[in-house]
Amino acid sequence: INFGAYVGLGAVRSQVVGAADRPPTAAE
């Protein structure tokens, strides 16, 4: 089949912030 793809908040946030319940820093 044909496919398009999104970039996801969960994947991006996990890569940078991890699984913690906190906001990202400005740098993050």
mmCIF file of all heavy atoms, coordinates in Angstrom:
data_MODEL
# 
_entry.id   MODEL 
# 
loop_
_atom_site.group_PDB 
_atom_site.id 
_atom_site.type_symbol 
_atom_site.label_atom_id 
_atom_site.label_alt_id 
_atom_site.label_comp_id 
_atom_site.label_asym_id 
_atom_site.label_entity_id 
_atom_site.label_seq_id 
_atom_site.pdbx_PDB_ins_code 
_atom_site.Cartn_x 
_atom_site.Cartn_y 
_atom_site.Cartn_z 
_atom_site.occupancy 
_atom_site.B_iso_or_equiv 
_atom_site.pdbx_formal_charge 
_atom_site.auth_seq_id 
_atom_site.auth_comp_id 
_atom_site.auth_asym_id 
_atom_site.auth_atom_id 
_atom_site.pdbx_PDB_model_num 
ATOM 1   N N   . ILE A 1 1  ? 0.842  -1.195 0.000  1.00 0.00 ? 1  ILE A N   1 
ATOM 2   C CA  . ILE A 1 1  ? 0.000  0.000  0.000  1.00 0.00 ? 1  ILE A CA  1 
ATOM 3   C C   . ILE A 1 1  ? 0.884  1.253  0.000  1.00 0.00 ? 1  ILE A C   1 
ATOM 4   O O   . ILE A 1 1  ? 2.061  1.212  0.335  1.00 0.00 ? 1  ILE A O   1 
ATOM 5   C CB  . ILE A 1 1  ? -0.934 0.037  1.222  1.00 0.00 ? 1  ILE A CB  1 
ATOM 6   C CG1 . ILE A 1 1  ? -0.124 0.084  2.527  1.00 0.00 ? 1  ILE A CG1 1 
ATOM 7   C CG2 . ILE A 1 1  ? -1.889 -1.155 1.202  1.00 0.00 ? 1  ILE A CG2 1 
ATOM 8   C CD1 . ILE A 1 1  ? -0.963 0.303  3.772  1.00 0.00 ? 1  ILE A CD1 1 
ATOM 9   N N   . ASN A 1 2  ? 0.287  2.365  -0.359 1.00 0.00 ? 2  ASN A N   1 
ATOM 10  C CA  . ASN A 1 2  ? 0.933  3.661  -0.217 1.00 0.00 ? 2  ASN A CA  1 
ATOM 11  C C   . ASN A 1 2  ? 0.834  4.101  1.242  1.00 0.00 ? 2  ASN A C   1 
ATOM 12  O O   . ASN A 1 2  ? -0.106 3.738  1.951  1.00 0.00 ? 2  ASN A O   1 
ATOM 13  C CB  . ASN A 1 2  ? 0.232  4.708  -1.082 1.00 0.00 ? 2  ASN A CB  1 
ATOM 14  C CG  . ASN A 1 2  ? 0.098  4.294  -2.533 1.00 0.00 ? 2  ASN A CG  1 
ATOM 15  O OD1 . ASN A 1 2  ? 1.074  3.936  -3.179 1.00 0.00 ? 2  ASN A OD1 1 
ATOM 16  N ND2 . ASN A 1 2  ? -1.126 4.343  -3.055 1.00 0.00 ? 2  ASN A ND2 1 
ATOM 17  N N   . PHE A 1 3  ? 1.776  4.931  1.682  1.00 0.00 ? 3  PHE A N   1 
ATOM 18  C CA  . PHE A 1 3  ? 1.658  5.432  3.049  1.00 0.00 ? 3  PHE A CA  1 
ATOM 19  C C   . PHE A 1 3  ? 2.303  6.790  3.207  1.00 0.00 ? 3  PHE A C   1 
ATOM 20  O O   . PHE A 1 3  ? 3.331  7.101  2.618  1.00 0.00 ? 3  PHE A O   1 
ATOM 21  C CB  . PHE A 1 3  ? 2.270  4.445  4.054  1.00 0.00 ? 3  PHE A CB  1 
ATOM 22  C CG  . PHE A 1 3  ? 3.739  4.202  3.894  1.00 0.00 ? 3  PHE A CG  1 
ATOM 23  C CD1 . PHE A 1 3  ? 4.673  4.944  4.606  1.00 0.00 ? 3  PHE A CD1 1 
ATOM 24  C CD2 . PHE A 1 3  ? 4.204  3.221  3.023  1.00 0.00 ? 3  PHE A CD2 1 
ATOM 25  C CE1 . PHE A 1 3  ? 6.027  4.712  4.454  1.00 0.00 ? 3  PHE A CE1 1 
ATOM 26  C CE2 . PHE A 1 3  ? 5.559  2.984  2.869  1.00 0.00 ? 3  PHE A CE2 1 
ATOM 27  C CZ  . PHE A 1 3  ? 6.478  3.740  3.591  1.00 0.00 ? 3  PHE A CZ  1 
ATOM 28  N N   . GLY A 1 4  ? 1.642  7.621  4.005  1.00 0.00 ? 4  GLY A N   1 
ATOM 29  C CA  . GLY A 1 4  ? 2.193  8.870  4.501  1.00 0.00 ? 4  GLY A CA  1 
ATOM 30  C C   . GLY A 1 4  ? 2.464  8.712  5.982  1.00 0.00 ? 4  GLY A C   1 
ATOM 31  O O   . GLY A 1 4  ? 2.017  7.761  6.615  1.00 0.00 ? 4  GLY A O   1 
ATOM 32  N N   . ALA A 1 5  ? 3.195  9.670  6.586  1.00 0.00 ? 5  ALA A N   1 
ATOM 33  C CA  . ALA A 1 5  ? 3.588  9.526  7.988  1.00 0.00 ? 5  ALA A CA  1 
ATOM 34  C C   . ALA A 1 5  ? 3.582  10.864 8.701  1.00 0.00 ? 5  ALA A C   1 
ATOM 35  O O   . ALA A 1 5  ? 3.949  11.894 8.136  1.00 0.00 ? 5  ALA A O   1 
ATOM 36  C CB  . ALA A 1 5  ? 4.978  8.890  8.093  1.00 0.00 ? 5  ALA A CB  1 
ATOM 37  N N   . TYR A 1 6  ? 3.146  10.817 9.955  1.00 0.00 ? 6  TYR A N   1 
ATOM 38  C CA  . TYR A 1 6  ? 3.233  11.971 10.853 1.00 0.00 ? 6  TYR A CA  1 
ATOM 39  C C   . TYR A 1 6  ? 4.501  11.896 11.687 1.00 0.00 ? 6  TYR A C   1 
ATOM 40  O O   . TYR A 1 6  ? 5.052  10.810 11.922 1.00 0.00 ? 6  TYR A O   1 
ATOM 41  C CB  . TYR A 1 6  ? 2.049  11.976 11.829 1.00 0.00 ? 6  TYR A CB  1 
ATOM 42  C CG  . TYR A 1 6  ? 0.730  12.356 11.237 1.00 0.00 ? 6  TYR A CG  1 
ATOM 43  C CD1 . TYR A 1 6  ? -0.202 11.387 10.877 1.00 0.00 ? 6  TYR A CD1 1 
ATOM 44  C CD2 . TYR A 1 6  ? 0.390  13.698 11.051 1.00 0.00 ? 6  TYR A CD2 1 
ATOM 45  C CE1 . TYR A 1 6  ? -1.431 11.738 10.353 1.00 0.00 ? 6  TYR A CE1 1 
ATOM 46  C CE2 . TYR A 1 6  ? -0.839 14.054 10.528 1.00 0.00 ? 6  TYR A CE2 1 
ATOM 47  C CZ  . TYR A 1 6  ? -1.740 13.079 10.174 1.00 0.00 ? 6  TYR A CZ  1 
ATOM 48  O OH  . TYR A 1 6  ? -2.951 13.430 9.658  1.00 0.00 ? 6  TYR A OH  1 
ATOM 49  N N   . VAL A 1 7  ? 4.926  13.038 12.204 1.00 0.00 ? 7  VAL A N   1 
ATOM 50  C CA  . VAL A 1 7  ? 5.874  13.072 13.305 1.00 0.00 ? 7  VAL A CA  1 
ATOM 51  C C   . VAL A 1 7  ? 5.042  13.224 14.574 1.00 0.00 ? 7  VAL A C   1 
ATOM 52  O O   . VAL A 1 7  ? 4.074  13.984 14.609 1.00 0.00 ? 7  VAL A O   1 
ATOM 53  C CB  . VAL A 1 7  ? 6.888  14.221 13.157 1.00 0.00 ? 7  VAL A CB  1 
ATOM 54  C CG1 . VAL A 1 7  ? 6.226  15.592 13.036 1.00 0.00 ? 7  VAL A CG1 1 
ATOM 55  C CG2 . VAL A 1 7  ? 7.881  14.210 14.319 1.00 0.00 ? 7  VAL A CG2 1 
ATOM 56  N N   . GLY A 1 8  ? 5.390  12.474 15.618 1.00 0.00 ? 8  GLY A N   1 
ATOM 57  C CA  . GLY A 1 8  ? 4.529  12.388 16.792 1.00 0.00 ? 8  GLY A CA  1 
ATOM 58  C C   . GLY A 1 8  ? 5.097  13.067 18.020 1.00 0.00 ? 8  GLY A C   1 
ATOM 59  O O   . GLY A 1 8  ? 6.303  12.973 18.316 1.00 0.00 ? 8  GLY A O   1 
ATOM 60  N N   . LEU A 1 9  ? 4.221  13.722 18.768 1.00 0.00 ? 9  LEU A N   1 
ATOM 61  C CA  . LEU A 1 9  ? 4.602  14.338 20.031 1.00 0.00 ? 9  LEU A CA  1 
ATOM 62  C C   . LEU A 1 9  ? 5.213  13.318 20.981 1.00 0.00 ? 9  LEU A C   1 
ATOM 63  O O   . LEU A 1 9  ? 6.215  13.593 21.653 1.00 0.00 ? 9  LEU A O   1 
ATOM 64  C CB  . LEU A 1 9  ? 3.380  14.988 20.686 1.00 0.00 ? 9  LEU A CB  1 
ATOM 65  C CG  . LEU A 1 9  ? 3.552  15.449 22.136 1.00 0.00 ? 9  LEU A CG  1 
ATOM 66  C CD1 . LEU A 1 9  ? 4.585  16.565 22.243 1.00 0.00 ? 9  LEU A CD1 1 
ATOM 67  C CD2 . LEU A 1 9  ? 2.219  15.883 22.734 1.00 0.00 ? 9  LEU A CD2 1 
ATOM 68  N N   . GLY A 1 10 ? 4.619  12.127 21.059 1.00 0.00 ? 10 GLY A N   1 
ATOM 69  C CA  . GLY A 1 10 ? 5.110  11.125 21.995 1.00 0.00 ? 10 GLY A CA  1 
ATOM 70  C C   . GLY A 1 10 ? 6.530  10.709 21.693 1.00 0.00 ? 10 GLY A C   1 
ATOM 71  O O   . GLY A 1 10 ? 7.365  10.595 22.601 1.00 0.00 ? 10 GLY A O   1 
ATOM 72  N N   . ALA A 1 11 ? 6.826  10.477 20.415 1.00 0.00 ? 11 ALA A N   1 
ATOM 73  C CA  . ALA A 1 11 ? 8.170  10.066 20.031 1.00 0.00 ? 11 ALA A CA  1 
ATOM 74  C C   . ALA A 1 11 ? 9.171  11.182 20.267 1.00 0.00 ? 11 ALA A C   1 
ATOM 75  O O   . ALA A 1 11 ? 10.282 10.954 20.758 1.00 0.00 ? 11 ALA A O   1 
ATOM 76  C CB  . ALA A 1 11 ? 8.185  9.629  18.571 1.00 0.00 ? 11 ALA A CB  1 
ATOM 77  N N   . VAL A 1 12 ? 8.790  12.411 19.931 1.00 0.00 ? 12 VAL A N   1 
ATOM 78  C CA  . VAL A 1 12 ? 9.682  13.556 20.110 1.00 0.00 ? 12 VAL A CA  1 
ATOM 79  C C   . VAL A 1 12 ? 9.911  13.832 21.592 1.00 0.00 ? 12 VAL A C   1 
ATOM 80  O O   . VAL A 1 12 ? 11.048 14.022 22.047 1.00 0.00 ? 12 VAL A O   1 
ATOM 81  C CB  . VAL A 1 12 ? 9.099  14.791 19.404 1.00 0.00 ? 12 VAL A CB  1 
ATOM 82  C CG1 . VAL A 1 12 ? 9.843  16.058 19.788 1.00 0.00 ? 12 VAL A CG1 1 
ATOM 83  C CG2 . VAL A 1 12 ? 9.121  14.604 17.885 1.00 0.00 ? 12 VAL A CG2 1 
ATOM 84  N N   . ARG A 1 13 ? 8.842  13.830 22.367 1.00 0.00 ? 13 ARG A N   1 
ATOM 85  C CA  . ARG A 1 13 ? 8.968  14.124 23.797 1.00 0.00 ? 13 ARG A CA  1 
ATOM 86  C C   . ARG A 1 13 ? 9.771  13.040 24.515 1.00 0.00 ? 13 ARG A C   1 
ATOM 87  O O   . ARG A 1 13 ? 10.613 13.335 25.373 1.00 0.00 ? 13 ARG A O   1 
ATOM 88  C CB  . ARG A 1 13 ? 7.569  14.248 24.418 1.00 0.00 ? 13 ARG A CB  1 
ATOM 89  C CG  . ARG A 1 13 ? 7.570  14.957 25.771 1.00 0.00 ? 13 ARG A CG  1 
ATOM 90  C CD  . ARG A 1 13 ? 6.148  15.130 26.302 1.00 0.00 ? 13 ARG A CD  1 
ATOM 91  N NE  . ARG A 1 13 ? 6.046  16.300 27.146 1.00 0.00 ? 13 ARG A NE  1 
ATOM 92  C CZ  . ARG A 1 13 ? 6.354  16.328 28.440 1.00 0.00 ? 13 ARG A CZ  1 
ATOM 93  N NH1 . ARG A 1 13 ? 6.799  15.224 29.026 1.00 0.00 ? 13 ARG A NH1 1 
ATOM 94  N NH2 . ARG A 1 13 ? 6.219  17.432 29.150 1.00 0.00 ? 13 ARG A NH2 1 
ATOM 95  N N   . SER A 1 14 ? 9.520  11.792 24.175 1.00 0.00 ? 14 SER A N   1 
ATOM 96  C CA  . SER A 1 14 ? 10.264 10.704 24.810 1.00 0.00 ? 14 SER A CA  1 
ATOM 97  C C   . SER A 1 14 ? 11.745 10.790 24.507 1.00 0.00 ? 14 SER A C   1 
ATOM 98  O O   . SER A 1 14 ? 12.587 10.514 25.366 1.00 0.00 ? 14 SER A O   1 
ATOM 99  C CB  . SER A 1 14 ? 9.707  9.349  24.351 1.00 0.00 ? 14 SER A CB  1 
ATOM 100 O OG  . SER A 1 14 ? 8.375  9.176  24.791 1.00 0.00 ? 14 SER A OG  1 
ATOM 101 N N   . GLN A 1 15 ? 12.084 11.178 23.279 1.00 0.00 ? 15 GLN A N   1 
ATOM 102 C CA  . GLN A 1 15 ? 13.486 11.274 22.891 1.00 0.00 ? 15 GLN A CA  1 
ATOM 103 C C   . GLN A 1 15 ? 14.202 12.375 23.657 1.00 0.00 ? 15 GLN A C   1 
ATOM 104 O O   . GLN A 1 15 ? 15.380 12.239 24.012 1.00 0.00 ? 15 GLN A O   1 
ATOM 105 C CB  . GLN A 1 15 ? 13.588 11.529 21.387 1.00 0.00 ? 15 GLN A CB  1 
ATOM 106 C CG  . GLN A 1 15 ? 15.018 11.603 20.855 1.00 0.00 ? 15 GLN A CG  1 
ATOM 107 C CD  . GLN A 1 15 ? 15.069 11.623 19.340 1.00 0.00 ? 15 GLN A CD  1 
ATOM 108 O OE1 . GLN A 1 15 ? 14.294 10.939 18.668 1.00 0.00 ? 15 GLN A OE1 1 
ATOM 109 N NE2 . GLN A 1 15 ? 15.978 12.413 18.771 1.00 0.00 ? 15 GLN A NE2 1 
ATOM 110 N N   . VAL A 1 16 ? 13.497 13.470 23.936 1.00 0.00 ? 16 VAL A N   1 
ATOM 111 C CA  . VAL A 1 16 ? 14.141 14.634 24.545 1.00 0.00 ? 16 VAL A CA  1 
ATOM 112 C C   . VAL A 1 16 ? 13.930 14.687 26.058 1.00 0.00 ? 16 VAL A C   1 
ATOM 113 O O   . VAL A 1 16 ? 14.868 14.925 26.820 1.00 0.00 ? 16 VAL A O   1 
ATOM 114 C CB  . VAL A 1 16 ? 13.635 15.931 23.893 1.00 0.00 ? 16 VAL A CB  1 
ATOM 115 C CG1 . VAL A 1 16 ? 14.228 17.155 24.579 1.00 0.00 ? 16 VAL A CG1 1 
ATOM 116 C CG2 . VAL A 1 16 ? 13.961 15.946 22.400 1.00 0.00 ? 16 VAL A CG2 1 
ATOM 117 N N   . VAL A 1 17 ? 12.699 14.464 26.518 1.00 0.00 ? 17 VAL A N   1 
ATOM 118 C CA  . VAL A 1 17 ? 12.350 14.633 27.932 1.00 0.00 ? 17 VAL A CA  1 
ATOM 119 C C   . VAL A 1 17 ? 12.317 13.302 28.665 1.00 0.00 ? 17 VAL A C   1 
ATOM 120 O O   . VAL A 1 17 ? 12.588 13.238 29.867 1.00 0.00 ? 17 VAL A O   1 
ATOM 121 C CB  . VAL A 1 17 ? 10.991 15.360 28.074 1.00 0.00 ? 17 VAL A CB  1 
ATOM 122 C CG1 . VAL A 1 17 ? 10.591 15.510 29.533 1.00 0.00 ? 17 VAL A CG1 1 
ATOM 123 C CG2 . VAL A 1 17 ? 11.040 16.724 27.398 1.00 0.00 ? 17 VAL A CG2 1 
ATOM 124 N N   . GLY A 1 18 ? 11.971 12.233 27.945 1.00 0.00 ? 18 GLY A N   1 
ATOM 125 C CA  . GLY A 1 18 ? 11.800 10.938 28.593 1.00 0.00 ? 18 GLY A CA  1 
ATOM 126 C C   . GLY A 1 18 ? 10.367 10.730 29.031 1.00 0.00 ? 18 GLY A C   1 
ATOM 127 O O   . GLY A 1 18 ? 9.439  11.311 28.470 1.00 0.00 ? 18 GLY A O   1 
ATOM 128 N N   . ALA A 1 19 ? 10.178 9.909  30.063 1.00 0.00 ? 19 ALA A N   1 
ATOM 129 C CA  . ALA A 1 19 ? 8.829  9.543  30.515 1.00 0.00 ? 19 ALA A CA  1 
ATOM 130 C C   . ALA A 1 19 ? 8.372  10.339 31.725 1.00 0.00 ? 19 ALA A C   1 
ATOM 131 O O   . ALA A 1 19 ? 7.369  10.002 32.348 1.00 0.00 ? 19 ALA A O   1 
ATOM 132 C CB  . ALA A 1 19 ? 8.790  8.057  30.848 1.00 0.00 ? 19 ALA A CB  1 
ATOM 133 N N   . ALA A 1 20 ? 9.079  11.414 32.072 1.00 0.00 ? 20 ALA A N   1 
ATOM 134 C CA  . ALA A 1 20 ? 8.777  12.162 33.289 1.00 0.00 ? 20 ALA A CA  1 
ATOM 135 C C   . ALA A 1 20 ? 7.598  13.105 33.107 1.00 0.00 ? 20 ALA A C   1 
ATOM 136 O O   . ALA A 1 20 ? 7.367  13.649 32.025 1.00 0.00 ? 20 ALA A O   1 
ATOM 137 C CB  . ALA A 1 20 ? 10.003 12.963 33.720 1.00 0.00 ? 20 ALA A CB  1 
ATOM 138 N N   . ASP A 1 21 ? 6.869  13.307 34.188 1.00 0.00 ? 21 ASP A N   1 
ATOM 139 C CA  . ASP A 1 21 ? 5.747  14.240 34.224 1.00 0.00 ? 21 ASP A CA  1 
ATOM 140 C C   . ASP A 1 21 ? 6.283  15.620 34.591 1.00 0.00 ? 21 ASP A C   1 
ATOM 141 O O   . ASP A 1 21 ? 6.272  16.043 35.749 1.00 0.00 ? 21 ASP A O   1 
ATOM 142 C CB  . ASP A 1 21 ? 4.708  13.773 35.246 1.00 0.00 ? 21 ASP A CB  1 
ATOM 143 C CG  . ASP A 1 21 ? 3.472  14.679 35.288 1.00 0.00 ? 21 ASP A CG  1 
ATOM 144 O OD1 . ASP A 1 21 ? 3.443  15.660 34.520 1.00 0.00 ? 21 ASP A OD1 1 
ATOM 145 O OD2 . ASP A 1 21 ? 2.562  14.405 36.087 1.00 0.00 ? 21 ASP A OD2 1 
ATOM 146 N N   . ARG A 1 22 ? 6.776  16.316 33.590 1.00 0.00 ? 22 ARG A N   1 
ATOM 147 C CA  . ARG A 1 22 ? 7.289  17.668 33.779 1.00 0.00 ? 22 ARG A CA  1 
ATOM 148 C C   . ARG A 1 22 ? 7.324  18.365 32.428 1.00 0.00 ? 22 ARG A C   1 
ATOM 149 O O   . ARG A 1 22 ? 7.383  17.724 31.372 1.00 0.00 ? 22 ARG A O   1 
ATOM 150 C CB  . ARG A 1 22 ? 8.694  17.655 34.388 1.00 0.00 ? 22 ARG A CB  1 
ATOM 151 C CG  . ARG A 1 22 ? 9.770  17.065 33.490 1.00 0.00 ? 22 ARG A CG  1 
ATOM 152 C CD  . ARG A 1 22 ? 11.163 17.306 34.063 1.00 0.00 ? 22 ARG A CD  1 
ATOM 153 N NE  . ARG A 1 22 ? 12.221 16.716 33.249 1.00 0.00 ? 22 ARG A NE  1 
ATOM 154 C CZ  . ARG A 1 22 ? 12.749 17.288 32.160 1.00 0.00 ? 22 ARG A CZ  1 
ATOM 155 N NH1 . ARG A 1 22 ? 12.288 18.461 31.727 1.00 0.00 ? 22 ARG A NH1 1 
ATOM 156 N NH2 . ARG A 1 22 ? 13.725 16.688 31.483 1.00 0.00 ? 22 ARG A NH2 1 
ATOM 157 N N   . PRO A 1 23 ? 7.311  19.692 32.429 1.00 0.00 ? 23 PRO A N   1 
ATOM 158 C CA  . PRO A 1 23 ? 7.439  20.405 31.163 1.00 0.00 ? 23 PRO A CA  1 
ATOM 159 C C   . PRO A 1 23 ? 8.878  20.394 30.685 1.00 0.00 ? 23 PRO A C   1 
ATOM 160 O O   . PRO A 1 23 ? 9.815  20.239 31.481 1.00 0.00 ? 23 PRO A O   1 
ATOM 161 C CB  . PRO A 1 23 ? 6.992  21.834 31.518 1.00 0.00 ? 23 PRO A CB  1 
ATOM 162 C CG  . PRO A 1 23 ? 7.283  21.962 32.981 1.00 0.00 ? 23 PRO A CG  1 
ATOM 163 C CD  . PRO A 1 23 ? 7.056  20.597 33.567 1.00 0.00 ? 23 PRO A CD  1 
ATOM 164 N N   . PRO A 1 24 ? 9.094  20.554 29.404 1.00 0.00 ? 24 PRO A N   1 
ATOM 165 C CA  . PRO A 1 24 ? 10.473 20.639 28.903 1.00 0.00 ? 24 PRO A CA  1 
ATOM 166 C C   . PRO A 1 24 ? 11.100 21.969 29.306 1.00 0.00 ? 24 PRO A C   1 
ATOM 167 O O   . PRO A 1 24 ? 10.405 22.979 29.475 1.00 0.00 ? 24 PRO A O   1 
ATOM 168 C CB  . PRO A 1 24 ? 10.296 20.550 27.383 1.00 0.00 ? 24 PRO A CB  1 
ATOM 169 C CG  . PRO A 1 24 ? 8.926  21.098 27.137 1.00 0.00 ? 24 PRO A CG  1 
ATOM 170 C CD  . PRO A 1 24 ? 8.100  20.692 28.318 1.00 0.00 ? 24 PRO A CD  1 
ATOM 171 N N   . THR A 1 25 ? 12.391 21.952 29.456 1.00 0.00 ? 25 THR A N   1 
ATOM 172 C CA  . THR A 1 25 ? 13.110 23.215 29.630 1.00 0.00 ? 25 THR A CA  1 
ATOM 173 C C   . THR A 1 25 ? 13.108 23.964 28.304 1.00 0.00 ? 25 THR A C   1 
ATOM 174 O O   . THR A 1 25 ? 12.747 23.418 27.250 1.00 0.00 ? 25 THR A O   1 
ATOM 175 C CB  . THR A 1 25 ? 14.547 22.956 30.073 1.00 0.00 ? 25 THR A CB  1 
ATOM 176 O OG1 . THR A 1 25 ? 15.239 22.290 28.999 1.00 0.00 ? 25 THR A OG1 1 
ATOM 177 C CG2 . THR A 1 25 ? 14.602 22.091 31.334 1.00 0.00 ? 25 THR A CG2 1 
ATOM 178 N N   . ALA A 1 26 ? 13.546 25.215 28.350 1.00 0.00 ? 26 ALA A N   1 
ATOM 179 C CA  . ALA A 1 26 ? 13.618 26.000 27.116 1.00 0.00 ? 26 ALA A CA  1 
ATOM 180 C C   . ALA A 1 26 ? 14.539 25.330 26.106 1.00 0.00 ? 26 ALA A C   1 
ATOM 181 O O   . ALA A 1 26 ? 14.232 25.276 24.903 1.00 0.00 ? 26 ALA A O   1 
ATOM 182 C CB  . ALA A 1 26 ? 14.087 27.420 27.429 1.00 0.00 ? 26 ALA A CB  1 
ATOM 183 N N   . ALA A 1 27 ? 15.649 24.797 26.601 1.00 0.00 ? 27 ALA A N   1 
ATOM 184 C CA  . ALA A 1 27 ? 16.581 24.128 25.682 1.00 0.00 ? 27 ALA A CA  1 
ATOM 185 C C   . ALA A 1 27 ? 15.959 22.864 25.104 1.00 0.00 ? 27 ALA A C   1 
ATOM 186 O O   . ALA A 1 27 ? 16.124 22.564 23.911 1.00 0.00 ? 27 ALA A O   1 
ATOM 187 C CB  . ALA A 1 27 ? 17.877 23.799 26.416 1.00 0.00 ? 27 ALA A CB  1 
ATOM 188 N N   . GLU A 1 28 ? 15.262 22.119 25.942 1.00 0.00 ? 28 GLU A N   1 
ATOM 189 C CA  . GLU A 1 28 ? 14.616 20.886 25.466 1.00 0.00 ? 28 GLU A CA  1 
ATOM 190 C C   . GLU A 1 28 ? 13.519 21.194 24.463 1.00 0.00 ? 28 GLU A C   1 
ATOM 191 O O   . GLU A 1 28 ? 13.369 20.484 23.455 1.00 0.00 ? 28 GLU A O   1 
ATOM 192 C CB  . GLU A 1 28 ? 14.051 20.112 26.650 1.00 0.00 ? 28 GLU A CB  1 
ATOM 193 C CG  . GLU A 1 28 ? 15.113 19.444 27.505 1.00 0.00 ? 28 GLU A CG  1 
ATOM 194 C CD  . GLU A 1 28 ? 14.556 18.871 28.791 1.00 0.00 ? 28 GLU A CD  1 
ATOM 195 O OE1 . GLU A 1 28 ? 13.490 19.340 29.253 1.00 0.00 ? 28 GLU A OE1 1 
ATOM 196 O OE2 . GLU A 1 28 ? 15.191 17.954 29.342 1.00 0.00 ? 28 GLU A OE2 1 
# 
